[in-house]
Amino acid sequence: MVNAGGIAFSGRARQSGNIMQTFNDTSSVLALLGTRKSASAKAMTEPGPTAGQLAEILAAAVRVPDHGKLAPWRFILWEGAARAAFGDVMKARWQQLHPDHGEQTLGFVHGLFLRAPTVLGVVSAAKENPKIPLWEQQLSAAAVCMNVLYAATALGLGCQWNTDWVVYDAEIAAAMGLATHEKLAGLIYLGTPSGPLEDRPRPDPATLLTRWQAS
């Protein structure tokens, strides 16, 4: 499907009550916010983002709230042969952690980054600061991840924000080149969906809202 601006989006129409909606509708900002749906990393194929698209995604990614203008985040990119090479690292580490696991599991671990043409790591580089709490810096990194999803979706790409065990393993973090104070906020898989998107139940915002009143 292509919107009036000529941008392809990766969703499909779905019925919601009596209203036909579209996943990842890029006809307006609010339409995109209201219909955004991740693709599955398990069902992605070529092509991934072009160099120009990736530059656009990163430019949008850094336009997030950032108390103190610290830019407490950075990026790691895996594409091409680097995905399989890092798969060797993950496989070896998994084998250390689970020596009883067989080749089928090891093969799955090796192929984690091969599920999509491009894998983007968003690193939280939060540091102790006398004015800016660590929590606020970490939230800023999460906002970066979300902006990546919105930008990629607006460009017609499939995307999914994952974590998985590799995000929490110290040996893998070292292999990625993370400093001791850094953490991986997420791995974002980028590519082209190979199948239709399926929605999941969403909470009713009205049930999550409390209006504070003075007692």
N, C-alpha and C. Protein backbone atom coordinates (compact mmCIF):
# COMPACT_ATOMS: atom_id res chain seq x y z
N MET A 1 0.83 -1.18 0.00
CA MET A 1 0.00 0.00 0.00
C MET A 1 0.88 1.25 0.00
N VAL A 2 0.45 2.30 -0.69
CA VAL A 2 1.22 3.54 -0.77
C VAL A 2 0.31 4.70 -0.41
N ASN A 3 0.81 5.59 0.42
CA ASN A 3 -0.03 6.73 0.79
C ASN A 3 0.06 7.83 -0.24
N ALA A 4 -0.63 8.92 -0.01
CA ALA A 4 -0.69 9.99 -1.02
C ALA A 4 0.66 10.62 -1.25
N GLY A 5 1.56 10.50 -0.26
CA GLY A 5 2.89 11.07 -0.42
C GLY A 5 3.86 10.14 -1.12
N GLY A 6 3.38 8.96 -1.52
CA GLY A 6 4.24 8.04 -2.24
C GLY A 6 5.06 7.14 -1.34
N ILE A 7 4.77 7.13 -0.02
CA ILE A 7 5.54 6.31 0.90
C ILE A 7 4.81 5.00 1.10
N ALA A 8 5.51 3.89 0.87
CA ALA A 8 4.90 2.59 1.09
C ALA A 8 4.90 2.29 2.57
N PHE A 9 3.82 1.67 3.05
CA PHE A 9 3.84 1.23 4.43
C PHE A 9 3.50 -0.24 4.49
N SER A 10 4.00 -0.89 5.55
CA SER A 10 4.10 -2.34 5.54
C SER A 10 2.90 -3.05 6.13
N GLY A 11 1.85 -2.32 6.45
CA GLY A 11 0.72 -2.96 7.10
C GLY A 11 -0.31 -3.49 6.13
N ARG A 12 -1.46 -3.86 6.69
CA ARG A 12 -2.59 -4.28 5.87
C ARG A 12 -3.85 -3.80 6.58
N ALA A 13 -4.94 -3.75 5.84
CA ALA A 13 -6.19 -3.28 6.43
C ALA A 13 -6.69 -4.29 7.45
N ARG A 14 -7.35 -3.79 8.49
CA ARG A 14 -7.98 -4.66 9.47
C ARG A 14 -9.31 -4.04 9.89
N GLN A 15 -10.23 -4.87 10.32
CA GLN A 15 -11.54 -4.39 10.74
C GLN A 15 -11.53 -4.13 12.24
N SER A 16 -11.93 -2.94 12.64
CA SER A 16 -12.05 -2.60 14.06
C SER A 16 -13.43 -2.01 14.27
N GLY A 17 -14.35 -2.82 14.83
CA GLY A 17 -15.74 -2.40 14.90
C GLY A 17 -16.29 -2.27 13.50
N ASN A 18 -16.81 -1.08 13.17
CA ASN A 18 -17.31 -0.84 11.82
C ASN A 18 -16.36 0.01 11.00
N ILE A 19 -15.14 0.21 11.53
CA ILE A 19 -14.18 1.09 10.87
C ILE A 19 -13.02 0.27 10.33
N MET A 20 -12.73 0.44 9.06
CA MET A 20 -11.59 -0.23 8.47
C MET A 20 -10.34 0.59 8.75
N GLN A 21 -9.37 -0.01 9.45
CA GLN A 21 -8.13 0.68 9.76
C GLN A 21 -6.98 0.02 9.03
N THR A 22 -5.85 0.69 9.03
CA THR A 22 -4.66 0.18 8.37
C THR A 22 -3.50 0.22 9.34
N PHE A 23 -2.74 -0.86 9.43
CA PHE A 23 -1.53 -0.82 10.22
C PHE A 23 -0.54 0.15 9.59
N ASN A 24 0.16 0.88 10.44
CA ASN A 24 1.25 1.75 10.00
C ASN A 24 0.81 2.73 8.92
N ASP A 25 -0.29 3.39 9.20
CA ASP A 25 -0.85 4.39 8.28
C ASP A 25 -0.01 5.66 8.38
N THR A 26 0.65 6.03 7.31
CA THR A 26 1.55 7.19 7.32
C THR A 26 0.90 8.44 6.76
N SER A 27 -0.43 8.46 6.68
CA SER A 27 -1.10 9.63 6.11
C SER A 27 -1.00 10.86 7.01
N SER A 28 -0.75 10.67 8.29
CA SER A 28 -0.52 11.78 9.21
C SER A 28 0.25 11.26 10.41
N VAL A 29 0.78 12.17 11.20
CA VAL A 29 1.52 11.76 12.39
C VAL A 29 0.60 11.00 13.35
N LEU A 30 -0.59 11.54 13.59
CA LEU A 30 -1.52 10.88 14.50
C LEU A 30 -1.98 9.52 13.96
N ALA A 31 -2.14 9.43 12.66
CA ALA A 31 -2.52 8.15 12.07
C ALA A 31 -1.44 7.10 12.31
N LEU A 32 -0.18 7.50 12.18
CA LEU A 32 0.92 6.56 12.42
C LEU A 32 0.97 6.17 13.89
N LEU A 33 0.82 7.16 14.78
CA LEU A 33 0.82 6.86 16.21
C LEU A 33 -0.31 5.90 16.58
N GLY A 34 -1.44 6.07 15.94
CA GLY A 34 -2.61 5.27 16.27
C GLY A 34 -2.66 3.90 15.63
N THR A 35 -1.80 3.64 14.64
CA THR A 35 -1.86 2.36 13.93
C THR A 35 -0.53 1.62 13.89
N ARG A 36 0.49 2.16 14.58
CA ARG A 36 1.81 1.54 14.52
C ARG A 36 1.77 0.09 14.98
N LYS A 37 2.41 -0.77 14.22
CA LYS A 37 2.50 -2.19 14.56
C LYS A 37 3.85 -2.72 14.14
N SER A 38 4.55 -3.34 15.09
CA SER A 38 5.86 -3.92 14.77
C SER A 38 5.70 -5.12 13.85
N ALA A 39 6.72 -5.34 13.05
CA ALA A 39 6.81 -6.59 12.29
C ALA A 39 7.55 -7.60 13.17
N SER A 40 7.54 -8.84 12.77
CA SER A 40 8.25 -9.88 13.52
C SER A 40 9.63 -10.10 12.92
N ALA A 41 10.65 -10.08 13.80
CA ALA A 41 12.00 -10.34 13.32
C ALA A 41 12.11 -11.72 12.68
N LYS A 42 11.26 -12.65 13.11
CA LYS A 42 11.30 -14.00 12.56
C LYS A 42 10.79 -14.05 11.13
N ALA A 43 10.08 -13.02 10.72
CA ALA A 43 9.45 -13.02 9.39
C ALA A 43 9.88 -11.80 8.58
N MET A 44 11.16 -11.47 8.65
CA MET A 44 11.69 -10.36 7.86
C MET A 44 12.59 -10.89 6.75
N THR A 45 12.68 -10.11 5.71
CA THR A 45 13.53 -10.48 4.59
C THR A 45 14.16 -9.22 4.03
N GLU A 46 14.99 -9.39 2.99
CA GLU A 46 15.54 -8.23 2.28
C GLU A 46 14.41 -7.51 1.55
N PRO A 47 14.59 -6.21 1.27
CA PRO A 47 15.75 -5.40 1.64
C PRO A 47 15.61 -4.78 3.02
N GLY A 48 16.75 -4.40 3.58
CA GLY A 48 16.78 -3.60 4.79
C GLY A 48 16.86 -2.14 4.40
N PRO A 49 17.11 -1.27 5.34
CA PRO A 49 17.21 0.16 5.03
C PRO A 49 18.42 0.46 4.15
N THR A 50 18.26 1.38 3.25
CA THR A 50 19.40 1.87 2.48
C THR A 50 20.25 2.76 3.39
N ALA A 51 21.42 3.14 2.92
CA ALA A 51 22.27 4.03 3.71
C ALA A 51 21.57 5.35 3.97
N GLY A 52 20.85 5.84 2.97
CA GLY A 52 20.11 7.08 3.15
C GLY A 52 18.99 6.95 4.16
N GLN A 53 18.26 5.83 4.10
CA GLN A 53 17.18 5.60 5.05
C GLN A 53 17.72 5.45 6.47
N LEU A 54 18.83 4.75 6.60
CA LEU A 54 19.42 4.58 7.93
C LEU A 54 19.84 5.93 8.51
N ALA A 55 20.39 6.79 7.67
CA ALA A 55 20.76 8.14 8.13
C ALA A 55 19.53 8.91 8.59
N GLU A 56 18.42 8.77 7.86
CA GLU A 56 17.17 9.43 8.27
C GLU A 56 16.67 8.89 9.60
N ILE A 57 16.74 7.58 9.75
CA ILE A 57 16.28 6.94 10.99
C ILE A 57 17.08 7.43 12.18
N LEU A 58 18.39 7.48 12.03
CA LEU A 58 19.24 7.92 13.15
C LEU A 58 19.04 9.40 13.44
N ALA A 59 18.82 10.20 12.41
CA ALA A 59 18.57 11.63 12.62
C ALA A 59 17.29 11.83 13.41
N ALA A 60 16.28 11.02 13.12
CA ALA A 60 15.03 11.11 13.88
C ALA A 60 15.20 10.54 15.28
N ALA A 61 16.04 9.52 15.39
CA ALA A 61 16.20 8.83 16.67
C ALA A 61 16.71 9.76 17.77
N VAL A 62 17.60 10.67 17.41
CA VAL A 62 18.23 11.51 18.44
C VAL A 62 17.39 12.73 18.82
N ARG A 63 16.24 12.90 18.19
CA ARG A 63 15.36 14.02 18.52
C ARG A 63 14.40 13.59 19.64
N VAL A 64 14.97 13.36 20.79
CA VAL A 64 14.21 12.90 21.94
C VAL A 64 14.46 13.82 23.13
N PRO A 65 13.59 13.80 24.13
CA PRO A 65 13.88 14.53 25.36
C PRO A 65 15.22 14.06 25.94
N ASP A 66 16.04 15.01 26.34
CA ASP A 66 17.38 14.70 26.82
C ASP A 66 17.78 15.75 27.85
N HIS A 67 17.35 15.52 29.09
CA HIS A 67 17.61 16.46 30.18
C HIS A 67 19.12 16.69 30.34
N GLY A 68 19.55 17.92 30.24
CA GLY A 68 20.95 18.25 30.37
C GLY A 68 21.75 18.18 29.09
N LYS A 69 21.08 17.81 27.99
CA LYS A 69 21.75 17.70 26.68
C LYS A 69 22.99 16.80 26.77
N LEU A 70 22.83 15.65 27.41
CA LEU A 70 23.95 14.73 27.62
C LEU A 70 24.15 13.75 26.47
N ALA A 71 23.11 13.56 25.64
CA ALA A 71 23.15 12.53 24.59
C ALA A 71 23.67 11.21 25.17
N PRO A 72 22.96 10.65 26.16
CA PRO A 72 23.45 9.46 26.85
C PRO A 72 23.09 8.16 26.13
N TRP A 73 23.40 8.08 24.86
CA TRP A 73 23.11 6.91 24.05
C TRP A 73 24.01 6.93 22.82
N ARG A 74 24.15 5.77 22.21
CA ARG A 74 24.88 5.62 20.95
C ARG A 74 24.35 4.37 20.25
N PHE A 75 24.92 4.08 19.07
CA PHE A 75 24.38 3.00 18.24
C PHE A 75 25.47 2.02 17.83
N ILE A 76 25.07 0.76 17.64
CA ILE A 76 25.92 -0.26 17.04
C ILE A 76 25.13 -0.88 15.89
N LEU A 77 25.78 -1.06 14.76
CA LEU A 77 25.10 -1.58 13.57
C LEU A 77 25.68 -2.92 13.15
N TRP A 78 24.80 -3.87 12.89
CA TRP A 78 25.19 -5.15 12.30
C TRP A 78 24.46 -5.31 10.97
N GLU A 79 25.20 -5.50 9.91
CA GLU A 79 24.61 -5.79 8.61
C GLU A 79 25.59 -6.64 7.81
N GLY A 80 25.11 -7.26 6.75
CA GLY A 80 25.97 -8.09 5.93
C GLY A 80 26.60 -9.23 6.72
N ALA A 81 27.86 -9.49 6.44
CA ALA A 81 28.57 -10.61 7.06
C ALA A 81 28.78 -10.43 8.56
N ALA A 82 28.70 -9.20 9.04
CA ALA A 82 28.90 -8.95 10.48
C ALA A 82 27.86 -9.67 11.32
N ARG A 83 26.67 -9.91 10.76
CA ARG A 83 25.61 -10.58 11.52
C ARG A 83 25.99 -12.03 11.83
N ALA A 84 26.49 -12.74 10.83
CA ALA A 84 26.92 -14.12 11.05
C ALA A 84 28.16 -14.18 11.92
N ALA A 85 29.07 -13.22 11.74
CA ALA A 85 30.28 -13.20 12.57
C ALA A 85 29.92 -13.01 14.04
N PHE A 86 28.96 -12.14 14.30
CA PHE A 86 28.56 -11.97 15.70
C PHE A 86 27.74 -13.17 16.16
N GLY A 87 27.11 -13.85 15.22
CA GLY A 87 26.43 -15.10 15.56
C GLY A 87 27.40 -16.12 16.12
N ASP A 88 28.63 -16.15 15.60
CA ASP A 88 29.66 -17.05 16.14
C ASP A 88 29.94 -16.72 17.60
N VAL A 89 29.98 -15.42 17.91
CA VAL A 89 30.23 -14.98 19.29
C VAL A 89 29.09 -15.43 20.20
N MET A 90 27.85 -15.21 19.76
CA MET A 90 26.70 -15.59 20.58
C MET A 90 26.62 -17.10 20.76
N LYS A 91 26.91 -17.83 19.71
CA LYS A 91 26.86 -19.29 19.79
C LYS A 91 27.90 -19.80 20.80
N ALA A 92 29.11 -19.27 20.72
CA ALA A 92 30.17 -19.71 21.64
C ALA A 92 29.81 -19.40 23.09
N ARG A 93 29.24 -18.21 23.30
CA ARG A 93 28.85 -17.84 24.66
C ARG A 93 27.72 -18.72 25.16
N TRP A 94 26.74 -19.01 24.32
CA TRP A 94 25.63 -19.87 24.73
C TRP A 94 26.13 -21.27 25.08
N GLN A 95 27.12 -21.72 24.32
CA GLN A 95 27.68 -23.05 24.57
C GLN A 95 28.38 -23.09 25.93
N GLN A 96 29.01 -21.96 26.30
CA GLN A 96 29.62 -21.86 27.63
C GLN A 96 28.55 -21.92 28.72
N LEU A 97 27.47 -21.21 28.50
CA LEU A 97 26.41 -21.14 29.50
C LEU A 97 25.59 -22.42 29.59
N HIS A 98 25.43 -23.09 28.44
CA HIS A 98 24.56 -24.27 28.38
C HIS A 98 25.28 -25.39 27.61
N PRO A 99 26.30 -25.98 28.20
CA PRO A 99 27.08 -27.00 27.49
C PRO A 99 26.29 -28.24 27.10
N ASP A 100 25.12 -28.42 27.71
CA ASP A 100 24.30 -29.59 27.40
C ASP A 100 23.39 -29.37 26.20
N HIS A 101 23.33 -28.17 25.67
CA HIS A 101 22.43 -27.89 24.54
C HIS A 101 23.02 -28.40 23.23
N GLY A 102 22.15 -28.88 22.35
CA GLY A 102 22.59 -29.49 21.11
C GLY A 102 22.71 -28.50 19.96
N GLU A 103 23.01 -29.04 18.80
CA GLU A 103 23.27 -28.23 17.62
C GLU A 103 22.05 -27.43 17.16
N GLN A 104 20.86 -27.97 17.38
CA GLN A 104 19.66 -27.25 16.94
C GLN A 104 19.53 -25.93 17.69
N THR A 105 19.72 -25.97 19.01
CA THR A 105 19.64 -24.74 19.80
C THR A 105 20.79 -23.81 19.46
N LEU A 106 21.98 -24.37 19.31
CA LEU A 106 23.14 -23.54 18.98
C LEU A 106 22.96 -22.88 17.61
N GLY A 107 22.37 -23.61 16.69
CA GLY A 107 22.11 -23.03 15.38
C GLY A 107 21.12 -21.88 15.44
N PHE A 108 20.11 -22.03 16.31
CA PHE A 108 19.13 -20.95 16.49
C PHE A 108 19.81 -19.71 17.05
N VAL A 109 20.65 -19.90 18.07
CA VAL A 109 21.34 -18.77 18.68
C VAL A 109 22.26 -18.10 17.66
N HIS A 110 22.96 -18.90 16.87
CA HIS A 110 23.85 -18.34 15.85
C HIS A 110 23.09 -17.49 14.84
N GLY A 111 21.84 -17.85 14.58
CA GLY A 111 21.07 -17.16 13.55
C GLY A 111 20.23 -15.99 14.04
N LEU A 112 20.38 -15.61 15.32
CA LEU A 112 19.54 -14.54 15.85
C LEU A 112 19.62 -13.27 15.02
N PHE A 113 20.82 -12.85 14.65
CA PHE A 113 20.98 -11.59 13.91
C PHE A 113 20.77 -11.78 12.41
N LEU A 114 20.60 -13.02 11.97
CA LEU A 114 20.37 -13.28 10.55
C LEU A 114 18.90 -13.22 10.19
N ARG A 115 18.06 -12.99 11.20
CA ARG A 115 16.62 -12.96 10.94
C ARG A 115 16.20 -11.72 10.15
N ALA A 116 17.00 -10.68 10.19
CA ALA A 116 16.68 -9.44 9.47
C ALA A 116 17.93 -8.93 8.77
N PRO A 117 17.79 -8.16 7.70
CA PRO A 117 18.96 -7.64 6.98
C PRO A 117 19.82 -6.71 7.82
N THR A 118 19.20 -5.99 8.76
CA THR A 118 19.92 -5.00 9.55
C THR A 118 19.49 -5.11 11.00
N VAL A 119 20.48 -5.06 11.89
CA VAL A 119 20.20 -5.06 13.33
C VAL A 119 20.89 -3.82 13.91
N LEU A 120 20.11 -3.01 14.61
CA LEU A 120 20.62 -1.79 15.20
C LEU A 120 20.56 -1.90 16.72
N GLY A 121 21.71 -1.78 17.36
CA GLY A 121 21.75 -1.78 18.81
C GLY A 121 21.71 -0.36 19.33
N VAL A 122 20.81 -0.10 20.27
CA VAL A 122 20.74 1.21 20.92
C VAL A 122 21.35 1.06 22.31
N VAL A 123 22.45 1.76 22.54
CA VAL A 123 23.20 1.65 23.79
C VAL A 123 22.86 2.80 24.70
N SER A 124 22.47 2.47 25.93
CA SER A 124 22.30 3.49 26.96
C SER A 124 23.65 3.75 27.60
N ALA A 125 24.14 4.98 27.46
CA ALA A 125 25.45 5.34 28.00
C ALA A 125 25.31 6.25 29.22
N ALA A 126 24.28 5.99 30.02
CA ALA A 126 24.00 6.81 31.19
C ALA A 126 25.16 6.77 32.18
N LYS A 127 25.49 7.92 32.72
CA LYS A 127 26.55 8.05 33.73
C LYS A 127 26.01 8.83 34.93
N GLU A 128 26.63 8.59 36.09
CA GLU A 128 26.29 9.39 37.26
C GLU A 128 26.53 10.86 36.96
N ASN A 129 25.55 11.68 37.32
CA ASN A 129 25.64 13.11 37.05
C ASN A 129 25.03 13.85 38.25
N PRO A 130 25.67 14.93 38.69
CA PRO A 130 25.15 15.62 39.88
C PRO A 130 23.77 16.24 39.69
N LYS A 131 23.36 16.46 38.45
CA LYS A 131 22.09 17.12 38.19
C LYS A 131 21.06 16.22 37.51
N ILE A 132 21.52 15.28 36.71
CA ILE A 132 20.59 14.47 35.90
C ILE A 132 20.57 13.03 36.42
N PRO A 133 19.45 12.58 36.97
CA PRO A 133 19.38 11.20 37.48
C PRO A 133 19.63 10.16 36.38
N LEU A 134 20.22 9.05 36.76
CA LEU A 134 20.45 7.96 35.81
C LEU A 134 19.15 7.52 35.14
N TRP A 135 18.08 7.45 35.92
CA TRP A 135 16.80 6.99 35.40
C TRP A 135 16.34 7.84 34.24
N GLU A 136 16.51 9.16 34.34
CA GLU A 136 16.09 10.04 33.25
C GLU A 136 16.93 9.79 32.00
N GLN A 137 18.21 9.53 32.18
CA GLN A 137 19.07 9.24 31.03
C GLN A 137 18.67 7.92 30.38
N GLN A 138 18.32 6.95 31.18
CA GLN A 138 17.90 5.66 30.64
C GLN A 138 16.56 5.76 29.91
N LEU A 139 15.66 6.57 30.45
CA LEU A 139 14.40 6.79 29.76
C LEU A 139 14.62 7.46 28.41
N SER A 140 15.61 8.33 28.34
CA SER A 140 15.93 8.98 27.07
C SER A 140 16.37 7.96 26.04
N ALA A 141 17.14 6.95 26.46
CA ALA A 141 17.56 5.89 25.55
C ALA A 141 16.37 5.08 25.06
N ALA A 142 15.41 4.85 25.94
CA ALA A 142 14.19 4.15 25.52
C ALA A 142 13.43 4.97 24.49
N ALA A 143 13.41 6.29 24.69
CA ALA A 143 12.75 7.16 23.70
C ALA A 143 13.46 7.09 22.35
N VAL A 144 14.77 6.95 22.37
CA VAL A 144 15.53 6.78 21.12
C VAL A 144 15.05 5.52 20.39
N CYS A 145 14.90 4.43 21.13
CA CYS A 145 14.42 3.18 20.51
C CYS A 145 13.06 3.39 19.86
N MET A 146 12.18 4.09 20.55
CA MET A 146 10.84 4.30 20.01
C MET A 146 10.88 5.17 18.77
N ASN A 147 11.74 6.18 18.78
CA ASN A 147 11.86 7.03 17.59
C ASN A 147 12.39 6.25 16.40
N VAL A 148 13.28 5.31 16.65
CA VAL A 148 13.78 4.45 15.57
C VAL A 148 12.61 3.69 14.95
N LEU A 149 11.74 3.15 15.79
CA LEU A 149 10.59 2.40 15.27
C LEU A 149 9.67 3.29 14.44
N TYR A 150 9.39 4.47 14.94
CA TYR A 150 8.49 5.36 14.20
C TYR A 150 9.12 5.79 12.88
N ALA A 151 10.40 6.12 12.90
CA ALA A 151 11.06 6.58 11.67
C ALA A 151 11.12 5.45 10.64
N ALA A 152 11.48 4.26 11.09
CA ALA A 152 11.57 3.13 10.16
C ALA A 152 10.20 2.81 9.57
N THR A 153 9.17 2.84 10.42
CA THR A 153 7.82 2.57 9.94
C THR A 153 7.37 3.62 8.93
N ALA A 154 7.68 4.88 9.21
CA ALA A 154 7.30 5.95 8.28
C ALA A 154 7.99 5.80 6.92
N LEU A 155 9.14 5.14 6.90
CA LEU A 155 9.86 4.91 5.65
C LEU A 155 9.41 3.62 4.95
N GLY A 156 8.42 2.94 5.53
CA GLY A 156 7.92 1.73 4.90
C GLY A 156 8.67 0.47 5.25
N LEU A 157 9.51 0.53 6.28
CA LEU A 157 10.29 -0.64 6.69
C LEU A 157 9.57 -1.40 7.79
N GLY A 158 9.83 -2.70 7.87
CA GLY A 158 9.40 -3.47 9.02
C GLY A 158 10.43 -3.32 10.12
N CYS A 159 9.98 -3.30 11.37
CA CYS A 159 10.92 -3.12 12.47
C CYS A 159 10.37 -3.77 13.72
N GLN A 160 11.28 -4.21 14.57
CA GLN A 160 10.89 -4.78 15.87
C GLN A 160 11.99 -4.50 16.88
N TRP A 161 11.57 -4.06 18.07
CA TRP A 161 12.48 -3.77 19.18
C TRP A 161 12.50 -5.00 20.08
N ASN A 162 13.66 -5.65 20.17
CA ASN A 162 13.82 -6.85 20.98
C ASN A 162 14.89 -6.62 22.05
N THR A 163 14.90 -7.51 23.01
CA THR A 163 16.00 -7.54 23.98
C THR A 163 16.69 -8.89 23.89
N ASP A 164 16.11 -9.92 24.45
CA ASP A 164 16.66 -11.27 24.45
C ASP A 164 17.83 -11.34 25.43
N TRP A 165 18.34 -12.52 25.64
CA TRP A 165 19.37 -12.76 26.65
C TRP A 165 20.65 -12.01 26.37
N VAL A 166 20.93 -11.73 25.09
CA VAL A 166 22.21 -11.08 24.75
C VAL A 166 22.32 -9.69 25.35
N VAL A 167 21.18 -9.06 25.62
CA VAL A 167 21.18 -7.71 26.18
C VAL A 167 21.68 -7.71 27.63
N TYR A 168 21.54 -8.84 28.30
CA TYR A 168 21.82 -8.90 29.74
C TYR A 168 23.08 -9.69 30.08
N ASP A 169 23.81 -10.13 29.10
CA ASP A 169 25.00 -10.95 29.34
C ASP A 169 26.26 -10.09 29.29
N ALA A 170 27.07 -10.12 30.34
CA ALA A 170 28.25 -9.26 30.44
C ALA A 170 29.29 -9.61 29.37
N GLU A 171 29.45 -10.89 29.07
CA GLU A 171 30.43 -11.30 28.06
C GLU A 171 30.03 -10.80 26.67
N ILE A 172 28.76 -10.89 26.37
CA ILE A 172 28.28 -10.39 25.09
C ILE A 172 28.43 -8.88 25.02
N ALA A 173 28.14 -8.20 26.12
CA ALA A 173 28.31 -6.74 26.16
C ALA A 173 29.75 -6.36 25.86
N ALA A 174 30.68 -7.09 26.42
CA ALA A 174 32.10 -6.81 26.17
C ALA A 174 32.45 -7.05 24.70
N ALA A 175 31.88 -8.12 24.13
CA ALA A 175 32.14 -8.41 22.71
C ALA A 175 31.56 -7.34 21.80
N MET A 176 30.49 -6.70 22.25
CA MET A 176 29.90 -5.60 21.49
C MET A 176 30.69 -4.31 21.63
N GLY A 177 31.60 -4.27 22.60
CA GLY A 177 32.39 -3.07 22.81
C GLY A 177 31.78 -2.10 23.80
N LEU A 178 30.84 -2.57 24.63
CA LEU A 178 30.22 -1.70 25.60
C LEU A 178 31.17 -1.41 26.76
N ALA A 179 31.17 -0.18 27.22
CA ALA A 179 31.92 0.18 28.40
C ALA A 179 31.19 -0.34 29.63
N THR A 180 31.87 -0.33 30.77
CA THR A 180 31.29 -0.92 31.98
C THR A 180 30.03 -0.19 32.43
N HIS A 181 29.91 1.09 32.12
CA HIS A 181 28.73 1.84 32.54
C HIS A 181 27.59 1.79 31.52
N GLU A 182 27.83 1.15 30.38
CA GLU A 182 26.83 1.12 29.32
C GLU A 182 25.97 -0.14 29.38
N LYS A 183 24.74 0.00 28.90
CA LYS A 183 23.82 -1.12 28.77
C LYS A 183 23.12 -1.04 27.42
N LEU A 184 22.76 -2.19 26.91
CA LEU A 184 22.03 -2.22 25.64
C LEU A 184 20.55 -2.01 25.92
N ALA A 185 20.02 -0.90 25.44
CA ALA A 185 18.60 -0.61 25.64
C ALA A 185 17.73 -1.50 24.78
N GLY A 186 18.27 -1.94 23.67
CA GLY A 186 17.49 -2.83 22.81
C GLY A 186 18.18 -3.10 21.50
N LEU A 187 17.74 -4.16 20.86
CA LEU A 187 18.16 -4.52 19.51
C LEU A 187 16.96 -4.29 18.60
N ILE A 188 17.14 -3.49 17.58
CA ILE A 188 16.04 -3.19 16.67
C ILE A 188 16.32 -3.83 15.32
N TYR A 189 15.46 -4.77 14.96
CA TYR A 189 15.58 -5.49 13.70
C TYR A 189 14.86 -4.70 12.61
N LEU A 190 15.53 -4.53 11.48
CA LEU A 190 15.00 -3.72 10.38
C LEU A 190 15.03 -4.52 9.09
N GLY A 191 13.92 -4.54 8.39
CA GLY A 191 13.88 -5.26 7.13
C GLY A 191 12.52 -5.10 6.47
N THR A 192 12.14 -6.09 5.68
CA THR A 192 10.87 -6.09 4.97
C THR A 192 10.03 -7.26 5.46
N PRO A 193 8.83 -7.00 5.96
CA PRO A 193 7.99 -8.11 6.44
C PRO A 193 7.69 -9.09 5.31
N SER A 194 7.76 -10.38 5.63
CA SER A 194 7.48 -11.40 4.62
C SER A 194 6.06 -11.94 4.73
N GLY A 195 5.31 -11.43 5.69
CA GLY A 195 3.94 -11.87 5.86
C GLY A 195 3.09 -10.75 6.42
N PRO A 196 1.78 -10.96 6.52
CA PRO A 196 0.88 -9.92 7.02
C PRO A 196 1.12 -9.66 8.50
N LEU A 197 0.89 -8.43 8.92
CA LEU A 197 1.00 -8.06 10.32
C LEU A 197 -0.27 -8.47 11.06
N GLU A 198 -0.12 -8.91 12.28
CA GLU A 198 -1.26 -9.31 13.09
C GLU A 198 -1.27 -8.46 14.35
N ASP A 199 -2.42 -7.90 14.68
CA ASP A 199 -2.51 -7.06 15.87
C ASP A 199 -2.66 -7.93 17.11
N ARG A 200 -2.49 -7.32 18.26
CA ARG A 200 -2.71 -7.98 19.54
C ARG A 200 -3.64 -7.12 20.37
N PRO A 201 -4.24 -7.68 21.40
CA PRO A 201 -5.13 -6.87 22.23
C PRO A 201 -4.41 -5.68 22.83
N ARG A 202 -5.06 -4.54 22.81
CA ARG A 202 -4.50 -3.32 23.39
C ARG A 202 -5.35 -2.91 24.59
N PRO A 203 -4.71 -2.39 25.63
CA PRO A 203 -5.49 -1.97 26.80
C PRO A 203 -6.34 -0.75 26.49
N ASP A 204 -7.43 -0.63 27.21
CA ASP A 204 -8.29 0.54 27.12
C ASP A 204 -7.64 1.64 27.95
N PRO A 205 -7.19 2.75 27.33
CA PRO A 205 -6.52 3.80 28.09
C PRO A 205 -7.35 4.34 29.24
N ALA A 206 -8.67 4.33 29.08
CA ALA A 206 -9.55 4.87 30.14
C ALA A 206 -9.40 4.08 31.43
N THR A 207 -9.08 2.79 31.32
CA THR A 207 -8.93 1.96 32.53
C THR A 207 -7.60 2.20 33.21
N LEU A 208 -6.69 2.88 32.55
CA LEU A 208 -5.35 3.13 33.11
C LEU A 208 -5.21 4.53 33.66
N LEU A 209 -6.27 5.32 33.55
CA LEU A 209 -6.20 6.72 33.93
C LEU A 209 -6.80 6.95 35.31
N THR A 210 -6.04 7.63 36.16
CA THR A 210 -6.53 8.07 37.46
C THR A 210 -6.47 9.59 37.51
N ARG A 211 -7.54 10.22 37.89
CA ARG A 211 -7.55 11.67 38.04
C ARG A 211 -7.28 12.00 39.51
N TRP A 212 -6.16 12.67 39.74
CA TRP A 212 -5.81 13.02 41.12
C TRP A 212 -6.72 14.13 41.62
N GLN A 213 -7.12 13.99 42.85
CA GLN A 213 -7.94 15.02 43.50
C GLN A 213 -7.45 15.24 44.92
N ALA A 214 -7.50 16.45 45.34
CA ALA A 214 -7.10 16.75 46.71
C ALA A 214 -8.07 16.11 47.69
N SER A 215 -7.54 15.55 48.75
CA SER A 215 -8.40 14.89 49.74
C SER A 215 -8.94 15.91 50.74
